[in-house]
Amino acid sequence: MAILVRPRLLAALAPTFLGCLLLQVTADAGIPEKAFNLTWISTDFKTILEWQPKPTNYTYTVQISDRSRNWKNKCFSTTDTECDLTDEIVKDVNWAYEAKVLSVPRRNSVHGDQLVIHGEEPPFTNAPKFLPYRDTNLGQPVIQQFEQDGRKLNVVVKDSLTLVRKNGTFLTLRQVFGKDLGYIITYRKGSSTGKKTNITNTNEFSIDVEEGVSYCFFVQAMIFSRKTNQNSPGSSTVCTEQWKSFLGETLIIVGAVVLLATIFIILLSISLCKRRKNRAGQKGKNTPSRLA
């Protein structure tokens, strides 16, 4: 039985049908889909550019600009959807970098730093500008040491190493940010949920606390000049009573090991002495007596 389609309905469906047909022809012809959703992923200046989608019959080539506005090719003809640009952005962390991803058909190629295009220019997508000093995330800080001495809680935070180099040496966060880097400590009594905070622009805290009370705390790094993306994740939470317990357990273990070693040495010494006496006695019995 024939199905009747109204002219108006056919006219309405025609653009949709033609669009689907065009997409199918484009895919079959090998014309690449344009990269999208370009995102910078950066922590302590370790910086990767990510995007979508996974390519089919084409590859990606990433380009990044330097201070001279020259475009440099990175991740040549890759089928990955990410590119590590750390080596470029650490050259100057105060420069706003531009990057773009080119979706290149496989008939094109890359020779050295030159992208050879056959026919039309491949579609490309620009990434948002990236200023490392402002945009890199801060990594989780590490508490180097702490001590509760009477009414004072003293805490020292270790600066994380970055991938920024100077004279062949990796710099710490403090060496990159200077006094713009600070730390926040959040602390509470071990038996309480009420929290207090304290901020320093150095790596050390000296906080007034109650004597004889255990405290738990964690720290975060922060950049004072930032309006957004200001704080790092918190460090692991530690408690002063746990530290004392740890020291006590360590001393007990060390003491037990020393005691066992001492007992072993004493028993070994007694055993050796007995063996020597037995050997001396046997030699005495086996020696013939002289006749008068």
C-alpha atoms as a PDB file:
ATOM      1  CA  MET A   1       0.000   0.000   0.000  1.00  0.00           C
ATOM      2  CA  ALA A   2       1.410   3.405  -0.915  1.00  0.00           C
ATOM      3  CA  ILE A   3       2.076   5.934   1.857  1.00  0.00           C
ATOM      4  CA  LEU A   4       1.009   9.482   1.106  1.00  0.00           C
ATOM      5  CA  VAL A   5       3.268  12.276   2.347  1.00  0.00           C
ATOM      6  CA  ARG A   6       1.930  15.770   2.468  1.00  0.00           C
ATOM      7  CA  PRO A   7       3.973  18.343   0.480  1.00  0.00           C
ATOM      8  CA  ARG A   8       4.355  20.608   3.527  1.00  0.00           C
ATOM      9  CA  LEU A   9       5.733  17.750   5.648  1.00  0.00           C
ATOM     10  CA  LEU A  10       8.127  16.779   2.855  1.00  0.00           C
ATOM     11  CA  ALA A  11       9.339  20.359   2.605  1.00  0.00           C
ATOM     12  CA  ALA A  12       9.921  20.453   6.376  1.00  0.00           C
ATOM     13  CA  LEU A  13      11.867  17.180   6.398  1.00  0.00           C
ATOM     14  CA  ALA A  14      14.014  18.002   3.367  1.00  0.00           C
ATOM     15  CA  PRO A  15      16.656  20.164   5.178  1.00  0.00           C
ATOM     16  CA  THR A  16      17.097  17.548   7.878  1.00  0.00           C
ATOM     17  CA  PHE A  17      17.468  14.775   5.306  1.00  0.00           C
ATOM     18  CA  LEU A  18      19.934  16.793   3.248  1.00  0.00           C
ATOM     19  CA  GLY A  19      21.942  17.641   6.384  1.00  0.00           C
ATOM     20  CA  CYS A  20      22.264  13.984   7.345  1.00  0.00           C
ATOM     21  CA  LEU A  21      23.175  13.090   3.787  1.00  0.00           C
ATOM     22  CA  LEU A  22      25.847  15.811   3.718  1.00  0.00           C
ATOM     23  CA  LEU A  23      27.354  14.575   6.996  1.00  0.00           C
ATOM     24  CA  GLN A  24      27.471  11.040   5.616  1.00  0.00           C
ATOM     25  CA  VAL A  25      29.141  12.188   2.403  1.00  0.00           C
ATOM     26  CA  THR A  26      31.617  14.307   4.389  1.00  0.00           C
ATOM     27  CA  ALA A  27      32.549  11.351   6.592  1.00  0.00           C
ATOM     28  CA  ASP A  28      32.922   9.058   3.587  1.00  0.00           C
ATOM     29  CA  ALA A  29      35.054  11.652   1.780  1.00  0.00           C
ATOM     30  CA  GLY A  30      37.523  11.752   4.671  1.00  0.00           C
ATOM     31  CA  ILE A  31      37.003  15.416   5.516  1.00  0.00           C
ATOM     32  CA  PRO A  32      38.021  15.782   9.192  1.00  0.00           C
ATOM     33  CA  GLU A  33      35.682  16.835  11.928  1.00  0.00           C
ATOM     34  CA  LYS A  34      36.785  20.039  13.607  1.00  0.00           C
ATOM     35  CA  ALA A  35      38.368  19.644  17.056  1.00  0.00           C
ATOM     36  CA  PHE A  36      36.312  21.141  19.878  1.00  0.00           C
ATOM     37  CA  ASN A  37      36.200  21.565  23.653  1.00  0.00           C
ATOM     38  CA  LEU A  38      39.879  22.590  23.931  1.00  0.00           C
ATOM     39  CA  THR A  39      40.858  22.601  27.617  1.00  0.00           C
ATOM     40  CA  TRP A  40      44.101  23.394  29.458  1.00  0.00           C
ATOM     41  CA  ILE A  41      44.993  20.942  32.244  1.00  0.00           C
ATOM     42  CA  SER A  42      47.845  22.307  34.348  1.00  0.00           C
ATOM     43  CA  THR A  43      49.232  21.623  37.834  1.00  0.00           C
ATOM     44  CA  ASP A  44      52.457  23.196  39.128  1.00  0.00           C
ATOM     45  CA  PHE A  45      53.144  24.189  35.487  1.00  0.00           C
ATOM     46  CA  LYS A  46      52.861  20.625  34.139  1.00  0.00           C
ATOM     47  CA  THR A  47      50.564  21.609  31.271  1.00  0.00           C
ATOM     48  CA  ILE A  48      48.550  19.513  28.797  1.00  0.00           C
ATOM     49  CA  LEU A  49      46.078  20.686  26.171  1.00  0.00           C
ATOM     50  CA  GLU A  50      43.094  18.342  25.729  1.00  0.00           C
ATOM     51  CA  TRP A  51      40.286  18.291  23.174  1.00  0.00           C
ATOM     52  CA  GLN A  52      37.674  16.130  21.407  1.00  0.00           C
ATOM     53  CA  PRO A  53      36.759  14.025  19.384  1.00  0.00           C
ATOM     54  CA  LYS A  54      38.777  10.874  18.736  1.00  0.00           C
ATOM     55  CA  PRO A  55      39.851  11.108  15.049  1.00  0.00           C
ATOM     56  CA  THR A  56      38.912   8.557  12.387  1.00  0.00           C
ATOM     57  CA  ASN A  57      40.572   9.129   9.010  1.00  0.00           C
ATOM     58  CA  TYR A  58      42.555  12.209   9.961  1.00  0.00           C
ATOM     59  CA  THR A  59      45.131  13.334  12.541  1.00  0.00           C
ATOM     60  CA  TYR A  60      45.748  16.334  14.758  1.00  0.00           C
ATOM     61  CA  THR A  61      48.645  18.769  14.858  1.00  0.00           C
ATOM     62  CA  VAL A  62      48.937  21.324  17.656  1.00  0.00           C
ATOM     63  CA  GLN A  63      50.452  24.767  17.183  1.00  0.00           C
ATOM     64  CA  ILE A  64      51.517  27.132  19.961  1.00  0.00           C
ATOM     65  CA  SER A  65      52.784  30.699  19.664  1.00  0.00           C
ATOM     66  CA  ASP A  66      55.900  32.066  21.362  1.00  0.00           C
ATOM     67  CA  ARG A  67      56.748  35.604  22.448  1.00  0.00           C
ATOM     68  CA  SER A  68      57.777  36.448  18.890  1.00  0.00           C
ATOM     69  CA  ARG A  69      54.298  35.471  17.656  1.00  0.00           C
ATOM     70  CA  ASN A  70      55.773  32.543  15.761  1.00  0.00           C
ATOM     71  CA  TRP A  71      53.734  29.340  15.596  1.00  0.00           C
ATOM     72  CA  LYS A  72      55.515  26.137  16.574  1.00  0.00           C
ATOM     73  CA  ASN A  73      54.192  22.677  15.679  1.00  0.00           C
ATOM     74  CA  LYS A  74      53.799  20.181  18.523  1.00  0.00           C
ATOM     75  CA  CYS A  75      52.440  16.618  18.628  1.00  0.00           C
ATOM     76  CA  PHE A  76      52.736  16.193  14.869  1.00  0.00           C
ATOM     77  CA  SER A  77      50.068  14.095  13.150  1.00  0.00           C
ATOM     78  CA  THR A  78      48.840  12.539  16.375  1.00  0.00           C
ATOM     79  CA  THR A  79      45.725  10.469  16.842  1.00  0.00           C
ATOM     80  CA  ASP A  80      45.694  11.341  20.533  1.00  0.00           C
ATOM     81  CA  THR A  81      43.380  14.000  21.898  1.00  0.00           C
ATOM     82  CA  GLU A  82      45.935  15.630  24.151  1.00  0.00           C
ATOM     83  CA  CYS A  83      49.329  17.298  23.802  1.00  0.00           C
ATOM     84  CA  ASP A  84      51.921  18.038  26.488  1.00  0.00           C
ATOM     85  CA  LEU A  85      52.992  21.679  26.075  1.00  0.00           C
ATOM     86  CA  THR A  86      54.958  21.962  29.326  1.00  0.00           C
ATOM     87  CA  ASP A  87      58.324  22.516  27.612  1.00  0.00           C
ATOM     88  CA  GLU A  88      56.914  25.545  25.831  1.00  0.00           C
ATOM     89  CA  ILE A  89      54.977  27.271  28.609  1.00  0.00           C
ATOM     90  CA  VAL A  90      57.744  27.018  31.245  1.00  0.00           C
ATOM     91  CA  LYS A  91      60.009  29.190  29.086  1.00  0.00           C
ATOM     92  CA  ASP A  92      58.139  32.231  30.373  1.00  0.00           C
ATOM     93  CA  VAL A  93      55.358  31.673  32.912  1.00  0.00           C
ATOM     94  CA  ASN A  94      54.247  35.316  32.681  1.00  0.00           C
ATOM     95  CA  TRP A  95      53.427  35.137  28.965  1.00  0.00           C
ATOM     96  CA  ALA A  96      49.885  34.540  27.690  1.00  0.00           C
ATOM     97  CA  TYR A  97      50.197  31.642  25.242  1.00  0.00           C
ATOM     98  CA  GLU A  98      47.950  30.990  22.269  1.00  0.00           C
ATOM     99  CA  ALA A  99      47.408  27.498  20.868  1.00  0.00           C
ATOM    100  CA  LYS A 100      45.282  25.844  18.224  1.00  0.00           C
ATOM    101  CA  VAL A 101      44.523  22.330  17.050  1.00  0.00           C
ATOM    102  CA  LEU A 102      44.527  21.539  13.325  1.00  0.00           C
ATOM    103  CA  SER A 103      42.425  18.608  12.107  1.00  0.00           C
ATOM    104  CA  VAL A 104      44.539  17.331   9.211  1.00  0.00           C
ATOM    105  CA  PRO A 105      43.419  14.747   6.593  1.00  0.00           C
ATOM    106  CA  ARG A 106      45.853  11.872   6.245  1.00  0.00           C
ATOM    107  CA  ARG A 107      46.816  12.942   2.721  1.00  0.00           C
ATOM    108  CA  ASN A 108      48.653  15.888   4.312  1.00  0.00           C
ATOM    109  CA  SER A 109      51.902  15.389   6.168  1.00  0.00           C
ATOM    110  CA  VAL A 110      54.388  16.950   8.559  1.00  0.00           C
ATOM    111  CA  HIS A 111      58.093  17.219   7.746  1.00  0.00           C
ATOM    112  CA  GLY A 112      60.231  18.518  10.605  1.00  0.00           C
ATOM    113  CA  ASP A 113      58.501  21.672  11.814  1.00  0.00           C
ATOM    114  CA  GLN A 114      56.683  22.190   8.508  1.00  0.00           C
ATOM    115  CA  LEU A 115      53.085  21.097   7.950  1.00  0.00           C
ATOM    116  CA  VAL A 116      52.607  20.287   4.268  1.00  0.00           C
ATOM    117  CA  ILE A 117      49.027  20.943   3.132  1.00  0.00           C
ATOM    118  CA  HIS A 118      47.618  19.421  -0.055  1.00  0.00           C
ATOM    119  CA  GLY A 119      44.543  21.258  -1.234  1.00  0.00           C
ATOM    120  CA  GLU A 120      42.414  23.271   1.199  1.00  0.00           C
ATOM    121  CA  GLU A 121      43.566  24.416   4.623  1.00  0.00           C
ATOM    122  CA  PRO A 122      42.526  21.959   7.372  1.00  0.00           C
ATOM    123  CA  PRO A 123      39.978  23.225   9.893  1.00  0.00           C
ATOM    124  CA  PHE A 124      41.505  24.480  13.135  1.00  0.00           C
ATOM    125  CA  THR A 125      40.190  25.477  16.554  1.00  0.00           C
ATOM    126  CA  ASN A 126      41.696  28.065  18.869  1.00  0.00           C
ATOM    127  CA  ALA A 127      42.261  27.291  22.545  1.00  0.00           C
ATOM    128  CA  PRO A 128      41.605  29.903  25.215  1.00  0.00           C
ATOM    129  CA  LYS A 129      44.686  31.977  26.036  1.00  0.00           C
ATOM    130  CA  PHE A 130      46.756  30.429  28.801  1.00  0.00           C
ATOM    131  CA  LEU A 131      48.810  32.485  31.282  1.00  0.00           C
ATOM    132  CA  PRO A 132      50.771  29.951  33.376  1.00  0.00           C
ATOM    133  CA  TYR A 133      51.392  32.257  36.347  1.00  0.00           C
ATOM    134  CA  ARG A 134      47.666  32.898  36.665  1.00  0.00           C
ATOM    135  CA  ASP A 135      46.098  29.687  35.358  1.00  0.00           C
ATOM    136  CA  THR A 136      48.164  26.708  36.531  1.00  0.00           C
ATOM    137  CA  ASN A 137      46.617  24.832  39.450  1.00  0.00           C
ATOM    138  CA  LEU A 138      48.551  24.450  42.669  1.00  0.00           C
ATOM    139  CA  GLY A 139      49.378  20.889  43.663  1.00  0.00           C
ATOM    140  CA  GLN A 140      48.655  19.348  47.057  1.00  0.00           C
ATOM    141  CA  PRO A 141      51.178  20.671  49.628  1.00  0.00           C
ATOM    142  CA  VAL A 142      53.134  18.486  52.034  1.00  0.00           C
ATOM    143  CA  ILE A 143      53.589  19.075  55.769  1.00  0.00           C
ATOM    144  CA  GLN A 144      57.324  18.724  56.341  1.00  0.00           C
ATOM    145  CA  GLN A 145      57.285  18.697  60.140  1.00  0.00           C
ATOM    146  CA  PHE A 146      55.175  19.807  63.100  1.00  0.00           C
ATOM    147  CA  GLU A 147      55.345  19.938  66.859  1.00  0.00           C
ATOM    148  CA  GLN A 148      53.017  20.941  69.660  1.00  0.00           C
ATOM    149  CA  ASP A 149      55.158  22.533  72.341  1.00  0.00           C
ATOM    150  CA  GLY A 150      53.046  23.567  75.293  1.00  0.00           C
ATOM    151  CA  ARG A 151      50.813  26.393  74.080  1.00  0.00           C
ATOM    152  CA  LYS A 152      52.385  26.582  70.606  1.00  0.00           C
ATOM    153  CA  LEU A 153      51.680  24.524  67.502  1.00  0.00           C
ATOM    154  CA  ASN A 154      54.635  24.865  65.117  1.00  0.00           C
ATOM    155  CA  VAL A 155      54.198  23.654  61.537  1.00  0.00           C
ATOM    156  CA  VAL A 156      56.610  23.733  58.576  1.00  0.00           C
ATOM    157  CA  VAL A 157      55.293  23.286  55.008  1.00  0.00           C
ATOM    158  CA  LYS A 158      57.473  21.916  52.209  1.00  0.00           C
ATOM    159  CA  ASP A 159      57.424  23.850  48.925  1.00  0.00           C
ATOM    160  CA  SER A 160      56.491  21.682  45.947  1.00  0.00           C
ATOM    161  CA  LEU A 161      58.901  21.404  43.029  1.00  0.00           C
ATOM    162  CA  THR A 162      57.650  22.782  39.711  1.00  0.00           C
ATOM    163  CA  LEU A 163      58.717  22.053  36.135  1.00  0.00           C
ATOM    164  CA  VAL A 164      60.031  25.594  35.684  1.00  0.00           C
ATOM    165  CA  ARG A 165      63.810  25.554  35.262  1.00  0.00           C
ATOM    166  CA  LYS A 166      66.562  28.058  35.888  1.00  0.00           C
ATOM    167  CA  ASN A 167      70.169  27.212  35.059  1.00  0.00           C
ATOM    168  CA  GLY A 168      69.146  23.574  34.637  1.00  0.00           C
ATOM    169  CA  THR A 169      67.546  23.340  38.097  1.00  0.00           C
ATOM    170  CA  PHE A 170      63.837  22.873  38.796  1.00  0.00           C
ATOM    171  CA  LEU A 171      62.396  25.735  40.841  1.00  0.00           C
ATOM    172  CA  THR A 172      60.093  25.425  43.844  1.00  0.00           C
ATOM    173  CA  LEU A 173      56.762  27.218  44.107  1.00  0.00           C
ATOM    174  CA  ARG A 174      58.398  29.758  46.409  1.00  0.00           C
ATOM    175  CA  GLN A 175      61.138  30.465  43.878  1.00  0.00           C
ATOM    176  CA  VAL A 176      58.536  31.073  41.163  1.00  0.00           C
ATOM    177  CA  PHE A 177      55.907  33.045  43.104  1.00  0.00           C
ATOM    178  CA  GLY A 178      57.983  34.624  45.897  1.00  0.00           C
ATOM    179  CA  LYS A 179      55.901  36.484  48.485  1.00  0.00           C
ATOM    180  CA  ASP A 180      52.822  36.025  46.274  1.00  0.00           C
ATOM    181  CA  LEU A 181      52.729  32.443  47.604  1.00  0.00           C
ATOM    182  CA  GLY A 182      51.101  31.850  50.964  1.00  0.00           C
ATOM    183  CA  TYR A 183      49.783  28.970  53.023  1.00  0.00           C
ATOM    184  CA  ILE A 184      46.528  28.528  54.920  1.00  0.00           C
ATOM    185  CA  ILE A 185      46.299  26.204  57.906  1.00  0.00           C
ATOM    186  CA  THR A 186      42.906  24.921  59.048  1.00  0.00           C
ATOM    187  CA  TYR A 187      42.977  23.384  62.516  1.00  0.00           C
ATOM    188  CA  ARG A 188      40.666  22.134  65.250  1.00  0.00           C
ATOM    189  CA  LYS A 189      40.800  20.410  68.584  1.00  0.00           C
ATOM    190  CA  GLY A 190      41.004  16.656  68.168  1.00  0.00           C
ATOM    191  CA  SER A 191      37.671  16.186  69.962  1.00  0.00           C
ATOM    192  CA  SER A 192      35.868  19.106  68.263  1.00  0.00           C
ATOM    193  CA  THR A 193      34.410  19.963  64.840  1.00  0.00           C
ATOM    194  CA  GLY A 194      34.872  23.735  65.178  1.00  0.00           C
ATOM    195  CA  LYS A 195      37.612  24.958  62.829  1.00  0.00           C
ATOM    196  CA  LYS A 196      39.959  27.933  62.779  1.00  0.00           C
ATOM    197  CA  THR A 197      42.271  29.198  60.058  1.00  0.00           C
ATOM    198  CA  ASN A 198      45.560  31.045  59.930  1.00  0.00           C
ATOM    199  CA  ILE A 199      47.469  32.474  56.937  1.00  0.00           C
ATOM    200  CA  THR A 200      51.183  33.055  56.430  1.00  0.00           C
ATOM    201  CA  ASN A 201      53.288  34.308  53.512  1.00  0.00           C
ATOM    202  CA  THR A 202      56.176  32.106  54.670  1.00  0.00           C
ATOM    203  CA  ASN A 203      56.435  28.336  55.065  1.00  0.00           C
ATOM    204  CA  GLU A 204      56.032  28.273  58.846  1.00  0.00           C
ATOM    205  CA  PHE A 205      53.161  28.595  61.308  1.00  0.00           C
ATOM    206  CA  SER A 206      53.358  29.278  65.031  1.00  0.00           C
ATOM    207  CA  ILE A 207      49.833  29.106  66.444  1.00  0.00           C
ATOM    208  CA  ASP A 208      48.592  29.645  69.992  1.00  0.00           C
ATOM    209  CA  VAL A 209      46.754  26.548  71.242  1.00  0.00           C
ATOM    210  CA  GLU A 210      45.613  25.086  74.549  1.00  0.00           C
ATOM    211  CA  GLU A 211      48.201  23.138  76.477  1.00  0.00           C
ATOM    212  CA  GLY A 212      47.615  19.407  76.820  1.00  0.00           C
ATOM    213  CA  VAL A 213      45.000  19.311  74.029  1.00  0.00           C
ATOM    214  CA  SER A 214      45.523  17.388  70.785  1.00  0.00           C
ATOM    215  CA  TYR A 215      44.962  19.278  67.508  1.00  0.00           C
ATOM    216  CA  CYS A 216      44.259  18.098  63.957  1.00  0.00           C
ATOM    217  CA  PHE A 217      45.058  20.244  60.922  1.00  0.00           C
ATOM    218  CA  PHE A 218      45.775  20.451  57.178  1.00  0.00           C
ATOM    219  CA  VAL A 219      47.328  23.123  54.967  1.00  0.00           C
ATOM    220  CA  GLN A 220      46.626  24.650  51.536  1.00  0.00           C
ATOM    221  CA  ALA A 221      48.835  26.707  49.245  1.00  0.00           C
ATOM    222  CA  MET A 222      47.419  29.969  47.875  1.00  0.00           C
ATOM    223  CA  ILE A 223      48.379  32.758  45.465  1.00  0.00           C
ATOM    224  CA  PHE A 224      47.441  36.148  46.917  1.00  0.00           C
ATOM    225  CA  SER A 225      47.203  37.976  43.577  1.00  0.00           C
ATOM    226  CA  ARG A 226      44.645  35.597  42.057  1.00  0.00           C
ATOM    227  CA  LYS A 227      40.937  36.356  42.038  1.00  0.00           C
ATOM    228  CA  THR A 228      40.001  32.815  40.974  1.00  0.00           C
ATOM    229  CA  ASN A 229      41.764  29.459  41.160  1.00  0.00           C
ATOM    230  CA  GLN A 230      43.487  30.801  44.260  1.00  0.00           C
ATOM    231  CA  ASN A 231      43.867  27.777  46.562  1.00  0.00           C
ATOM    232  CA  SER A 232      45.364  24.310  46.224  1.00  0.00           C
ATOM    233  CA  PRO A 233      43.732  21.096  47.465  1.00  0.00           C
ATOM    234  CA  GLY A 234      44.305  20.436  51.150  1.00  0.00           C
ATOM    235  CA  SER A 235      47.200  18.344  52.387  1.00  0.00           C
ATOM    236  CA  SER A 236      46.639  15.147  54.318  1.00  0.00           C
ATOM    237  CA  THR A 237      45.151  15.816  57.766  1.00  0.00           C
ATOM    238  CA  VAL A 238      47.443  15.047  60.701  1.00  0.00           C
ATOM    239  CA  CYS A 239      46.907  15.168  64.462  1.00  0.00           C
ATOM    240  CA  THR A 240      49.442  15.930  67.159  1.00  0.00           C
ATOM    241  CA  GLU A 241      48.214  13.034  69.325  1.00  0.00           C
ATOM    242  CA  GLN A 242      48.716  10.660  66.408  1.00  0.00           C
ATOM    243  CA  TRP A 243      52.269  11.948  66.095  1.00  0.00           C
ATOM    244  CA  LYS A 244      52.898  11.272  69.778  1.00  0.00           C
ATOM    245  CA  SER A 245      51.383   7.812  69.425  1.00  0.00           C
ATOM    246  CA  PHE A 246      53.546   7.192  66.381  1.00  0.00           C
ATOM    247  CA  LEU A 247      56.651   8.226  68.301  1.00  0.00           C
ATOM    248  CA  GLY A 248      55.625   6.038  71.229  1.00  0.00           C
ATOM    249  CA  GLU A 249      55.009   3.028  69.016  1.00  0.00           C
ATOM    250  CA  THR A 250      58.321   3.614  67.250  1.00  0.00           C
ATOM    251  CA  LEU A 251      60.190   3.751  70.561  1.00  0.00           C
ATOM    252  CA  ILE A 252      58.459   0.571  71.750  1.00  0.00           C
ATOM    253  CA  ILE A 253      59.367  -1.265  68.539  1.00  0.00           C
ATOM    254  CA  VAL A 254      62.979  -0.062  68.659  1.00  0.00           C
ATOM    255  CA  GLY A 255      63.219  -1.016  72.340  1.00  0.00           C
ATOM    256  CA  ALA A 256      61.828  -4.490  71.668  1.00  0.00           C
ATOM    257  CA  VAL A 257      64.306  -5.049  68.826  1.00  0.00           C
ATOM    258  CA  VAL A 258      67.230  -3.927  71.009  1.00  0.00           C
ATOM    259  CA  LEU A 259      66.070  -6.177  73.871  1.00  0.00           C
ATOM    260  CA  LEU A 260      65.743  -9.216  71.610  1.00  0.00           C
ATOM    261  CA  ALA A 261      69.149  -8.548  70.075  1.00  0.00           C
ATOM    262  CA  THR A 262      70.706  -8.249  73.554  1.00  0.00           C
ATOM    263  CA  ILE A 263      69.110 -11.517  74.729  1.00  0.00           C
ATOM    264  CA  PHE A 264      70.298 -13.274  71.555  1.00  0.00           C
ATOM    265  CA  ILE A 265      73.861 -12.047  72.072  1.00  0.00           C
ATOM    266  CA  ILE A 266      73.856 -13.158  75.739  1.00  0.00           C
ATOM    267  CA  LEU A 267      72.503 -16.633  74.886  1.00  0.00           C
ATOM    268  CA  LEU A 268      75.007 -16.964  72.040  1.00  0.00           C
ATOM    269  CA  SER A 269      77.856 -15.991  74.347  1.00  0.00           C
ATOM    270  CA  ILE A 270      76.760 -18.556  76.998  1.00  0.00           C
ATOM    271  CA  SER A 271      76.485 -21.254  74.332  1.00  0.00           C
ATOM    272  CA  LEU A 272      79.974 -20.510  72.998  1.00  0.00           C
ATOM    273  CA  CYS A 273      81.456 -20.561  76.523  1.00  0.00           C
ATOM    274  CA  LYS A 274      79.866 -23.961  77.220  1.00  0.00           C
ATOM    275  CA  ARG A 275      81.233 -25.386  73.979  1.00  0.00           C
ATOM    276  CA  ARG A 276      84.726 -24.168  74.817  1.00  0.00           C
ATOM    277  CA  LYS A 277      84.566 -25.748  78.293  1.00  0.00           C
ATOM    278  CA  ASN A 278      83.324 -29.041  76.858  1.00  0.00           C
ATOM    279  CA  ARG A 279      86.122 -29.108  74.286  1.00  0.00           C
ATOM    280  CA  ALA A 280      88.697 -28.320  76.976  1.00  0.00           C
ATOM    281  CA  GLY A 281      87.328 -31.164  79.159  1.00  0.00           C
ATOM    282  CA  GLN A 282      87.428 -33.659  76.302  1.00  0.00           C
ATOM    283  CA  LYS A 283      91.035 -32.745  75.498  1.00  0.00           C
ATOM    284  CA  GLY A 284      91.955 -33.288  79.149  1.00  0.00           C
ATOM    285  CA  LYS A 285      90.409 -36.785  79.192  1.00  0.00           C
ATOM    286  CA  ASN A 286      92.060 -37.824  75.947  1.00  0.00           C
ATOM    287  CA  THR A 287      95.572 -36.756  77.030  1.00  0.00           C
ATOM    288  CA  PRO A 288      97.491 -39.847  78.564  1.00  0.00           C
ATOM    289  CA  SER A 289      98.993 -39.281  81.993  1.00  0.00           C
ATOM    290  CA  ARG A 290     102.773 -39.469  82.331  1.00  0.00           C
ATOM    291  CA  LEU A 291     104.252 -42.397  84.267  1.00  0.00           C
ATOM    292  CA  ALA A 292     106.366 -41.441  87.211  1.00  0.00           C
END
